[in-house]
Amino acid sequence: MEQSELVLAHCIGCGCDDHHSCDTDAGKCTWIVVDWELNVGVCSACKAALVAWKQGARSAAAVQASRQQEQPPLG
């Protein structure tokens, strides 16, 4: 595979990628889980996104929807 053909994986929690990692207390983030066919994953800074991942979320929008469902209604 040529360098120009490489596709970066993005975190569904924060949007970081293979070349732009998050800063954490332990240093730079790493992948907890990655789906290389879809080029998405969950980084070590977004452990809360693992719940959505395990439920099948493979996009940031799916994680956001999952979080909204977890919150009790206002009022």
C-alpha atoms as a PDB file:
ATOM      1  CA  MET A   1       0.000   0.000   0.000  1.00  0.00           C
ATOM      2  CA  GLU A   2       1.371   3.409  -0.917  1.00  0.00           C
ATOM      3  CA  GLN A   3       1.579   6.190   1.659  1.00  0.00           C
ATOM      4  CA  SER A   4      -1.113   8.183  -0.183  1.00  0.00           C
ATOM      5  CA  GLU A   5      -3.507   5.221   0.155  1.00  0.00           C
ATOM      6  CA  LEU A   6      -3.289   5.032   3.961  1.00  0.00           C
ATOM      7  CA  VAL A   7      -6.499   5.953   5.743  1.00  0.00           C
ATOM      8  CA  LEU A   8      -6.488   7.169   9.333  1.00  0.00           C
ATOM      9  CA  ALA A   9      -8.697   5.697  12.008  1.00  0.00           C
ATOM     10  CA  HIS A  10     -10.708   8.224  14.054  1.00  0.00           C
ATOM     11  CA  CYS A  11     -11.971   7.922  17.618  1.00  0.00           C
ATOM     12  CA  ILE A  12     -15.766   7.892  17.873  1.00  0.00           C
ATOM     13  CA  GLY A  13     -15.528   9.624  21.261  1.00  0.00           C
ATOM     14  CA  CYS A  14     -13.307  12.623  20.588  1.00  0.00           C
ATOM     15  CA  GLY A  15     -12.292  12.526  16.929  1.00  0.00           C
ATOM     16  CA  CYS A  16      -8.568  12.077  17.458  1.00  0.00           C
ATOM     17  CA  ASP A  17      -6.742  10.029  14.818  1.00  0.00           C
ATOM     18  CA  ASP A  18      -3.535   8.104  14.218  1.00  0.00           C
ATOM     19  CA  HIS A  19      -1.554  11.328  13.730  1.00  0.00           C
ATOM     20  CA  HIS A  20      -3.346  13.596  16.239  1.00  0.00           C
ATOM     21  CA  SER A  21      -3.561  11.814  19.586  1.00  0.00           C
ATOM     22  CA  CYS A  22      -5.069  13.100  22.825  1.00  0.00           C
ATOM     23  CA  ASP A  23      -2.984  14.136  25.799  1.00  0.00           C
ATOM     24  CA  THR A  24      -3.856  12.081  28.874  1.00  0.00           C
ATOM     25  CA  ASP A  25      -2.400  11.814  32.385  1.00  0.00           C
ATOM     26  CA  ALA A  26      -0.449   8.782  31.135  1.00  0.00           C
ATOM     27  CA  GLY A  27       0.850  10.527  27.995  1.00  0.00           C
ATOM     28  CA  LYS A  28      -0.539  10.246  24.485  1.00  0.00           C
ATOM     29  CA  CYS A  29      -3.686   8.178  23.974  1.00  0.00           C
ATOM     30  CA  THR A  30      -3.651   4.758  22.324  1.00  0.00           C
ATOM     31  CA  TRP A  31      -6.343   2.643  20.710  1.00  0.00           C
ATOM     32  CA  ILE A  32      -8.428   0.497  23.055  1.00  0.00           C
ATOM     33  CA  VAL A  33     -10.308  -0.994  20.105  1.00  0.00           C
ATOM     34  CA  VAL A  34     -10.269  -0.253  16.359  1.00  0.00           C
ATOM     35  CA  ASP A  35     -12.345  -1.453  13.416  1.00  0.00           C
ATOM     36  CA  TRP A  36      -9.783  -1.112  10.606  1.00  0.00           C
ATOM     37  CA  GLU A  37     -12.390  -1.876   7.945  1.00  0.00           C
ATOM     38  CA  LEU A  38     -14.442   1.164   9.003  1.00  0.00           C
ATOM     39  CA  ASN A  39     -11.401   3.169  10.199  1.00  0.00           C
ATOM     40  CA  VAL A  40     -12.973   4.048  13.556  1.00  0.00           C
ATOM     41  CA  GLY A  41     -12.217   3.116  17.123  1.00  0.00           C
ATOM     42  CA  VAL A  42     -12.142   4.199  20.759  1.00  0.00           C
ATOM     43  CA  CYS A  43      -9.008   5.758  22.220  1.00  0.00           C
ATOM     44  CA  SER A  44      -7.768   5.417  25.792  1.00  0.00           C
ATOM     45  CA  ALA A  45      -8.973   8.954  26.607  1.00  0.00           C
ATOM     46  CA  CYS A  46     -12.580   8.007  25.725  1.00  0.00           C
ATOM     47  CA  LYS A  47     -13.231   4.934  27.842  1.00  0.00           C
ATOM     48  CA  ALA A  48     -16.844   6.059  28.335  1.00  0.00           C
ATOM     49  CA  ALA A  49     -17.397   5.597  24.570  1.00  0.00           C
ATOM     50  CA  LEU A  50     -16.732   1.859  24.989  1.00  0.00           C
ATOM     51  CA  VAL A  51     -20.314   1.342  26.176  1.00  0.00           C
ATOM     52  CA  ALA A  52     -21.635   2.763  22.907  1.00  0.00           C
ATOM     53  CA  TRP A  53     -19.023   0.768  20.937  1.00  0.00           C
ATOM     54  CA  LYS A  54     -20.148  -2.468  22.572  1.00  0.00           C
ATOM     55  CA  GLN A  55     -23.722  -1.564  21.586  1.00  0.00           C
ATOM     56  CA  GLY A  56     -22.632  -1.257  17.955  1.00  0.00           C
ATOM     57  CA  ALA A  57     -21.852   2.456  17.652  1.00  0.00           C
ATOM     58  CA  ARG A  58     -19.298   3.150  14.966  1.00  0.00           C
ATOM     59  CA  SER A  59     -19.652   6.929  14.619  1.00  0.00           C
ATOM     60  CA  ALA A  60     -19.515  10.028  16.802  1.00  0.00           C
ATOM     61  CA  ALA A  61     -23.218  10.655  16.096  1.00  0.00           C
ATOM     62  CA  ALA A  62     -24.109   7.211  17.458  1.00  0.00           C
ATOM     63  CA  VAL A  63     -22.105   7.888  20.636  1.00  0.00           C
ATOM     64  CA  GLN A  64     -23.887  11.234  21.100  1.00  0.00           C
ATOM     65  CA  ALA A  65     -27.296   9.570  20.672  1.00  0.00           C
ATOM     66  CA  SER A  66     -26.318   6.892  23.184  1.00  0.00           C
ATOM     67  CA  ARG A  67     -25.314   9.532  25.737  1.00  0.00           C
ATOM     68  CA  GLN A  68     -28.601  11.409  25.287  1.00  0.00           C
ATOM     69  CA  GLN A  69     -30.587   8.232  25.926  1.00  0.00           C
ATOM     70  CA  GLU A  70     -28.683   7.675  29.189  1.00  0.00           C
ATOM     71  CA  GLN A  71     -29.611  11.128  30.561  1.00  0.00           C
ATOM     72  CA  PRO A  72     -32.880  11.494  32.468  1.00  0.00           C
ATOM     73  CA  PRO A  73     -35.418  13.948  30.983  1.00  0.00           C
ATOM     74  CA  LEU A  74     -35.356  17.496  32.281  1.00  0.00           C
ATOM     75  CA  GLY A  75     -38.258  18.824  34.292  1.00  0.00           C
END
